[in-house]
Amino acid sequence: MTPDRLELAHRRTGAVGLGGAQPAPFADAADVVGWFGGLQSQDYHVAKWALALRLGPGVTDADLDRAFDDGVILRTHVLRPTWHFVAPGDLRWLLELTAPRIHALNTYAYRLGELDGPLLRRTTDLIADAVADGNHLTRTEIAALLARHGITAAGFRLGYILIHAELERMICSGPLRGKQHTYALLEERVPRAASLERDAALAELVRRFFTSHGPATTKDLAWWSSLTRADIATGLSLAGDALESTDVDGSTFWSAPGNARTPAPSPSVRLLQAYDEYIVGYTQSRYLLDLGDLAPVASGKAALPNGGIVVDTQVAGRWKRTVRAGTVVLDAVLCRPFDAAETAALHAAADELGMFLGVRAVVSASVL
């Protein structure tokens, strides 16, 4: 574990909002999402925990549901062909920048689903008309709507019909209806905001990624954003003094100047969901998570099936939560034995999860 690599990891935990001491650096959910530009929310329920970790104790699962219902944060397909939480003020310019690239990445899926241009334009218009005037519809209701117009839409095919409508800036997430998600007309859900010229948008997205994820590499950004290498090079040149670079292991790492926050007391244990930006925001330099080679995170030999247990900056195990009868059971599988201080920090992290969910936390730990 070289000092240079460990220093990068410490700086990175600060940038992603996990390494700083209290008080929490973010005011609310929109502040967290805006810091990143987009926060992956493939699984809505556990993605809320990624927000809560950055907001600090006192934020509950119900609080974040209310923020989502109120449109404080939105959930849609942007950056990559997957869901992200996005702040309303960022959604339009991000989609203008990234949608053409994501459409290109989706070409094979559109073809596989027999979704040509005229059909996709028709389905997008039908869906937009149907959800207008606050008539928020679930996925099942949209499928039934399309069926009434003679369009088969189920499973994979329905998914890409909806993704297309999102990328075309026609629909986005609406409020929850019980446990079901709904779609809303983007024009009604997202306040009008000034558009960004393409170069300005490139500079902003590049700056925001390296500020919130740095130190990181351009290959990391290419994965995270779907931007081409040429676009990233343009964004870096336009970002100017807002970013700085350092070379480690033969790779150039970019970050905002002085991006490190005051380290949290050690040992600090974090229960990260598998799509947390600290885990999923990188490809080339994900190895910084596991400098001790305790878990095969970087090599791809095994994924973290539910979530990662991080001690200070390093993966030290995996975890799964099960909620039942007023209790959340945290099954923790450790890559190595924890000492007394680390064990106490693990229990404190579990208690924080319990407070977020409004239940008592129980820890069941084992060692690989």
Foldseek 3Di string as FASTA:
>chain_A
DDPVLLVQLLLQCLLQQRFADDDQPADALQRNCVLQQWAFCQPVQQSVVLSDNRNDFPAASVNVLVCDQLLQWWWAQFLERGIIIHGLQRLPQRLVQTLVLNVVVCVVLCVVLVNDDVNLVVLLVQVLVCQPPPNWAFLVVSQVSVVVVVDHADDSRVSVSRNSSVSVQQWTWHRDDVPTTTIHGNPVSHDDDDHDDNLVSLLVNLLSNQANRPQAAVQLSCVRRVDDPVSNVSNVVVVPLQKDWDDDPNTITIHGPPSRHDGDDPFAKAWFFQRGCLQPSGQPSNCSQAVVVLDCSNVVPDGQPTTFIGTRSHTFWHWDWDDDDQEIEIETEGSDDDDPVVVVNVLVNQCSVSSNHVGHYHYDYDYD
